[in-house]
Each structure stands twice: as structure tokens, then as C-alpha cells.
Amino acid sequence: QVQLVESGGGSVQPGGSLRLSCAATGAFTFDWYTMRWYRGTPGKEREVVAGNGPDGERTTYSDSVKGRFTISRDNAKKTVALQMINLQPEDTAVYYCSANWRGTNYWGQGTQVTVYS
């Protein structure tokens, strides 16, 4: 059974930083999968904030986080990270890790990030 487990969420003041991590376990070939970070808030559609291709070189970011968030992966350890700097209140959300390969999708349970003034 494949599981994605996020960690690293918390509460910070504006301008602060957090590093989220997602660890994958189970019988699947991690380095086949595109890994993405999404975030969601009540009443809003979940949005993708960063993505990283299987080879780790093709990365994409939403305009709202570009220049502040960095996604990285370690295929040997089956982990993907999201380094977030200069956090702002609008970044407050539950952050989810996802793995996608040819229509197969796995999701983590999410980790809360709160940016408060």
C-alpha cells in the first residue's frame, strides 16, 4: 500500500520560513512519478503550487509562489520537499503532497501551514 506522509507544517509570522517534507512508502517506483505540492483552504479549490518531474529537473511553480518556494526531490530516499521563504498570510493553507503517473494518483493527508500577523 502506497502512503505519502507530509511533515514540517506549523505557524510562523510573515516573512518566516518553513520546510515541508513528504515521505513515500510502499511498493511503487517513486522515480517514475511526477511529484506536486498542492494547498487547500475551506471554500476554495485546491491549487497546485509546485511540481517536479521524475528526473527532478523539470520544475514548475504557480505565479503566487514563484521566487519564494522551491521544490526538490530525492529519488533514493523517496522524498520530496518544499522550501518556503518569505511566507505571507495568504499562504495559510493545508499543504498536500501528491504523486502522479499515467493517471495513477496518490495523496498525503496534508500538513497545516499558518502565517499570522
C-alpha atoms as a PDB file:
ATOM      1  CA  GLN A   1       0.000   0.000   0.000  1.00  0.00           C
ATOM      2  CA  VAL A   2       1.385   3.367  -1.047  1.00  0.00           C
ATOM      3  CA  GLN A   3       1.426   6.145   1.528  1.00  0.00           C
ATOM      4  CA  LEU A   4       2.558   9.736   1.325  1.00  0.00           C
ATOM      5  CA  VAL A   5       3.208  11.375   4.680  1.00  0.00           C
ATOM      6  CA  GLU A   6       3.782  15.111   4.949  1.00  0.00           C
ATOM      7  CA  SER A   7       5.540  16.848   7.802  1.00  0.00           C
ATOM      8  CA  GLY A   8       7.019  20.221   8.647  1.00  0.00           C
ATOM      9  CA  GLY A   9       3.942  22.382   8.831  1.00  0.00           C
ATOM     10  CA  GLY A  10       3.494  24.944  11.569  1.00  0.00           C
ATOM     11  CA  SER A  11       2.798  28.550  12.440  1.00  0.00           C
ATOM     12  CA  VAL A  12       5.083  31.410  11.502  1.00  0.00           C
ATOM     13  CA  GLN A  13       4.947  35.164  11.257  1.00  0.00           C
ATOM     14  CA  PRO A  14       5.006  36.951   7.895  1.00  0.00           C
ATOM     15  CA  GLY A  15       8.445  36.773   6.377  1.00  0.00           C
ATOM     16  CA  GLY A  16       9.157  33.471   8.050  1.00  0.00           C
ATOM     17  CA  SER A  17      10.207  30.184   6.512  1.00  0.00           C
ATOM     18  CA  LEU A  18       9.151  26.571   6.670  1.00  0.00           C
ATOM     19  CA  ARG A  19      10.330  23.411   5.015  1.00  0.00           C
ATOM     20  CA  LEU A  20       7.747  20.756   4.240  1.00  0.00           C
ATOM     21  CA  SER A  21       8.708  17.186   3.594  1.00  0.00           C
ATOM     22  CA  CYS A  22       6.811  14.287   2.063  1.00  0.00           C
ATOM     23  CA  ALA A  23       7.967  10.726   2.500  1.00  0.00           C
ATOM     24  CA  ALA A  24       6.660   7.949   0.287  1.00  0.00           C
ATOM     25  CA  THR A  25       6.385   4.376   1.436  1.00  0.00           C
ATOM     26  CA  GLY A  26       5.069   1.258  -0.198  1.00  0.00           C
ATOM     27  CA  ALA A  27       5.673  -0.718  -3.313  1.00  0.00           C
ATOM     28  CA  PHE A  28       5.859   1.839  -6.084  1.00  0.00           C
ATOM     29  CA  THR A  29       8.607   3.170  -8.288  1.00  0.00           C
ATOM     30  CA  PHE A  30       8.996   6.670  -6.904  1.00  0.00           C
ATOM     31  CA  ASP A  31      11.199   7.945  -9.697  1.00  0.00           C
ATOM     32  CA  TRP A  32       8.501   7.286 -12.288  1.00  0.00           C
ATOM     33  CA  TYR A  33       6.183   9.765 -10.633  1.00  0.00           C
ATOM     34  CA  THR A  34       5.685  13.474 -11.021  1.00  0.00           C
ATOM     35  CA  MET A  35       5.523  14.937  -7.534  1.00  0.00           C
ATOM     36  CA  ARG A  36       3.483  18.008  -6.741  1.00  0.00           C
ATOM     37  CA  TRP A  37       2.580  20.132  -3.765  1.00  0.00           C
ATOM     38  CA  TYR A  38      -0.962  21.464  -3.554  1.00  0.00           C
ATOM     39  CA  ARG A  39      -2.621  23.654  -0.970  1.00  0.00           C
ATOM     40  CA  GLY A  40      -6.191  23.997   0.050  1.00  0.00           C
ATOM     41  CA  THR A  41      -8.351  26.275   2.176  1.00  0.00           C
ATOM     42  CA  PRO A  42     -12.034  25.893   3.083  1.00  0.00           C
ATOM     43  CA  GLY A  43     -14.305  27.095   0.316  1.00  0.00           C
ATOM     44  CA  LYS A  44     -11.573  27.251  -2.301  1.00  0.00           C
ATOM     45  CA  GLU A  45     -10.491  24.760  -4.908  1.00  0.00           C
ATOM     46  CA  ARG A  46      -7.234  23.031  -4.120  1.00  0.00           C
ATOM     47  CA  GLU A  47      -4.431  24.620  -6.139  1.00  0.00           C
ATOM     48  CA  VAL A  48      -1.102  23.259  -7.274  1.00  0.00           C
ATOM     49  CA  VAL A  49       1.813  25.375  -6.086  1.00  0.00           C
ATOM     50  CA  ALA A  50       4.818  23.394  -7.279  1.00  0.00           C
ATOM     51  CA  GLY A  51       5.627  20.358  -9.375  1.00  0.00           C
ATOM     52  CA  ASN A  52       8.709  18.301 -10.053  1.00  0.00           C
ATOM     53  CA  GLY A  53       9.166  15.795 -12.871  1.00  0.00           C
ATOM     54  CA  PRO A  54      10.531  12.301 -12.382  1.00  0.00           C
ATOM     55  CA  ASP A  55      14.043  13.350 -13.272  1.00  0.00           C
ATOM     56  CA  GLY A  56      13.996  16.196 -10.782  1.00  0.00           C
ATOM     57  CA  GLU A  57      14.905  18.770 -13.390  1.00  0.00           C
ATOM     58  CA  ARG A  58      11.534  19.907 -14.680  1.00  0.00           C
ATOM     59  CA  THR A  59      10.052  22.102 -12.007  1.00  0.00           C
ATOM     60  CA  THR A  60       7.020  24.364 -12.192  1.00  0.00           C
ATOM     61  CA  TYR A  61       5.567  26.894  -9.783  1.00  0.00           C
ATOM     62  CA  SER A  62       2.387  28.853  -9.532  1.00  0.00           C
ATOM     63  CA  ASP A  63       2.791  32.574 -10.010  1.00  0.00           C
ATOM     64  CA  SER A  64       1.789  33.171  -6.410  1.00  0.00           C
ATOM     65  CA  VAL A  65       4.803  31.313  -5.005  1.00  0.00           C
ATOM     66  CA  LYS A  66       7.417  31.715  -7.725  1.00  0.00           C
ATOM     67  CA  GLY A  67      10.650  33.025  -6.270  1.00  0.00           C
ATOM     68  CA  ARG A  68       9.662  32.102  -2.717  1.00  0.00           C
ATOM     69  CA  PHE A  69       9.065  28.337  -2.825  1.00  0.00           C
ATOM     70  CA  THR A  70      11.481  25.674  -4.003  1.00  0.00           C
ATOM     71  CA  ILE A  71      10.562  22.056  -4.664  1.00  0.00           C
ATOM     72  CA  SER A  72      13.170  19.324  -4.590  1.00  0.00           C
ATOM     73  CA  ARG A  73      13.188  15.547  -4.512  1.00  0.00           C
ATOM     74  CA  ASP A  74      15.467  12.722  -3.504  1.00  0.00           C
ATOM     75  CA  ASN A  75      14.563   9.628  -5.501  1.00  0.00           C
ATOM     76  CA  ALA A  76      16.858   7.409  -3.484  1.00  0.00           C
ATOM     77  CA  LYS A  77      15.074   8.365  -0.263  1.00  0.00           C
ATOM     78  CA  LYS A  78      11.630   8.634  -1.886  1.00  0.00           C
ATOM     79  CA  THR A  79      11.110  12.108  -0.522  1.00  0.00           C
ATOM     80  CA  VAL A  80      10.038  15.454  -1.894  1.00  0.00           C
ATOM     81  CA  ALA A  81      10.454  18.743  -0.094  1.00  0.00           C
ATOM     82  CA  LEU A  82       9.027  22.225  -0.361  1.00  0.00           C
ATOM     83  CA  GLN A  83      11.195  25.013   0.980  1.00  0.00           C
ATOM     84  CA  MET A  84       9.103  28.111   1.635  1.00  0.00           C
ATOM     85  CA  ILE A  85      10.553  31.516   2.408  1.00  0.00           C
ATOM     86  CA  ASN A  86       9.036  34.945   2.907  1.00  0.00           C
ATOM     87  CA  LEU A  87       5.725  33.395   3.890  1.00  0.00           C
ATOM     88  CA  GLN A  88       2.671  35.616   3.849  1.00  0.00           C
ATOM     89  CA  PRO A  89      -0.788  35.304   5.407  1.00  0.00           C
ATOM     90  CA  GLU A  90      -2.239  34.298   2.040  1.00  0.00           C
ATOM     91  CA  ASP A  91      -0.003  31.223   2.125  1.00  0.00           C
ATOM     92  CA  THR A  92      -2.036  29.885   5.036  1.00  0.00           C
ATOM     93  CA  ALA A  93      -3.485  26.540   3.942  1.00  0.00           C
ATOM     94  CA  VAL A  94      -3.271  22.803   4.291  1.00  0.00           C
ATOM     95  CA  TYR A  95      -0.445  21.609   2.070  1.00  0.00           C
ATOM     96  CA  TYR A  96      -0.719  18.259   0.336  1.00  0.00           C
ATOM     97  CA  CYS A  97       1.842  16.116  -1.407  1.00  0.00           C
ATOM     98  CA  SER A  98       0.760  14.161  -4.467  1.00  0.00           C
ATOM     99  CA  ALA A  99       2.307  11.600  -6.770  1.00  0.00           C
ATOM    100  CA  ASN A 100       1.087  11.104 -10.328  1.00  0.00           C
ATOM    101  CA  TRP A 101       1.992   8.619 -13.033  1.00  0.00           C
ATOM    102  CA  ARG A 102      -0.186   7.804 -16.032  1.00  0.00           C
ATOM    103  CA  GLY A 103      -3.446   8.522 -14.270  1.00  0.00           C
ATOM    104  CA  THR A 104      -2.470   6.891 -11.014  1.00  0.00           C
ATOM    105  CA  ASN A 105      -2.636   9.422  -8.198  1.00  0.00           C
ATOM    106  CA  TYR A 106      -1.653   9.217  -4.577  1.00  0.00           C
ATOM    107  CA  TRP A 107      -2.246  11.885  -1.927  1.00  0.00           C
ATOM    108  CA  GLY A 108      -0.946  12.592   1.504  1.00  0.00           C
ATOM    109  CA  GLN A 109      -3.109  13.606   4.432  1.00  0.00           C
ATOM    110  CA  GLY A 110      -1.872  17.193   4.444  1.00  0.00           C
ATOM    111  CA  THR A 111       0.017  19.429   6.837  1.00  0.00           C
ATOM    112  CA  GLN A 112      -1.211  22.780   8.111  1.00  0.00           C
ATOM    113  CA  VAL A 113       0.732  25.966   7.446  1.00  0.00           C
ATOM    114  CA  THR A 114      -0.440  29.096   9.226  1.00  0.00           C
ATOM    115  CA  VAL A 115       1.065  32.525   8.692  1.00  0.00           C
ATOM    116  CA  TYR A 116      -0.206  35.006  11.265  1.00  0.00           C
ATOM    117  CA  SER A 117       0.424  38.654  11.926  1.00  0.00           C
END
